[in-house]
Amino acid sequence: MLALTVDHGLRPEAAEEVHAVATLMAAYAIPCQMLKIPPLEYGTAIAARARNARYEALFMACRQAGIVDLLLGHHARDQAETILLRAESASGEFGLAGIAAVSVRDGIRLVRPLLDTNPVDLRHELTARGLCWIEDPSNQDQRSTRIRLRAELTDDREVASLIDRAAHAGTERAQSELETARWLALHASIRPEGFAHLDCETSPPEALSALIRTIAGRGYPPPAASIAALVRALHPATLAGARIIKAPRNAPGFLILREQAAIASPQQAEENSLWDRRFRLIRRGDLPIGATIGALGADAARYRDHSDLPAAVLRTLPAIREDGRILCVPLLSAGPRNPDRGTQVQCTSPVPVAGALFRTLRG
């Protein structure tokens, strides 16, 4: 067991609070790692940006410690607030399933064991044990929609009703995801180069949505209306950072690959870094300092005779460069034009096509 606590650097008291957590963990002989994220600028979507930065820091700490399961403290009222927020935004029925008790993101399994527990009971438990807790002052910021809903959600019976509603929607969502996973197992293949092959001319909307989300490296599915319009007659198109093309060489079906125009800019080739939200540099090998990782792009023409991959896929592959000169393309076979530098890159999209199915704690 390893405790992780994060200082966002947004409040002067935060540093003292994370030290208080570490002190409490030490009393229980639980090692604690204090994480500090890069400074965030106040402004639009500060809560969302802080959350994304927090998760990235937590995921990195988990990977470095070899941890697969990250336990989070979301409780029943967090679930109820999420359901109300999604209802206000006209979320579909699956959205009203709320937060999953078990899900997968960036190769880490998120587990929320307190999702069915009222925070009042948590406070009673702490009081009985003679333990104090810290209230985050941002929870009183009425400018936040979530905080406004929290203030309105005062009836425990309403909370229980929302949780039951989420459990019912979650059960239906879990069944749908199981059926989608079975369909994908029969009709789709995922290649380590970061694209998918769909062996048929039609697809259930949930399956196509899952493939596009994974190939594009997005944490969220594409718009349902866009997917519905596309599956009525599957055809070459771009959507949500992915591109759909006909399969080459008279093969059946379609390929789903990254849209080249949406690919991230090159970045420093640092070990364990994530490029384009999809490719992680597992091992640098003998790369020189200053090497970058970015899309192969127009240089793909040099490798057409040494790979059976379609040109559209080749252009999206990660390539390692120094001062504009290609050092290697790790996902292609090594050879005279592509020396083996001991560099390893792995396709690791934030959300798998079919990972841990949506779980609820009731029903």
Foldseek 3Di string as FASTA:
>chain_A
DEAEDEQAVPDPCRVVQLVVVQVVCVVVVHHYDYYYFPHDDDDPPPVVVSVVRVVVRVVVVCVVVVHAEDEDAAALLNQLLQLVVCVVVVHDLLSLLGDFQWFFFLRHIYHYPRHHPDVVVVVVVCVVVVHDDDDDPVLCVCVDPSSVVSVVPDDVVSSVVSQVSSQVSLVVQLVVLVVLVVVCVVAKDADFQQKMFGQAFADDLLLVQLRQCQSQLHPDTFDSVVSVVCRVGPAFDDTDQWTWHADPDPGGGIMIHGDLVLFDAKDFLDAQDDGSNWKHWPDPAPDDGQKIKGFCAPVLVVCPVPDPDDSVSNRGAIFIDHPPHTQARQVGDADPVHHCRVIDMTTRRGHHSRDPGGHGPDD
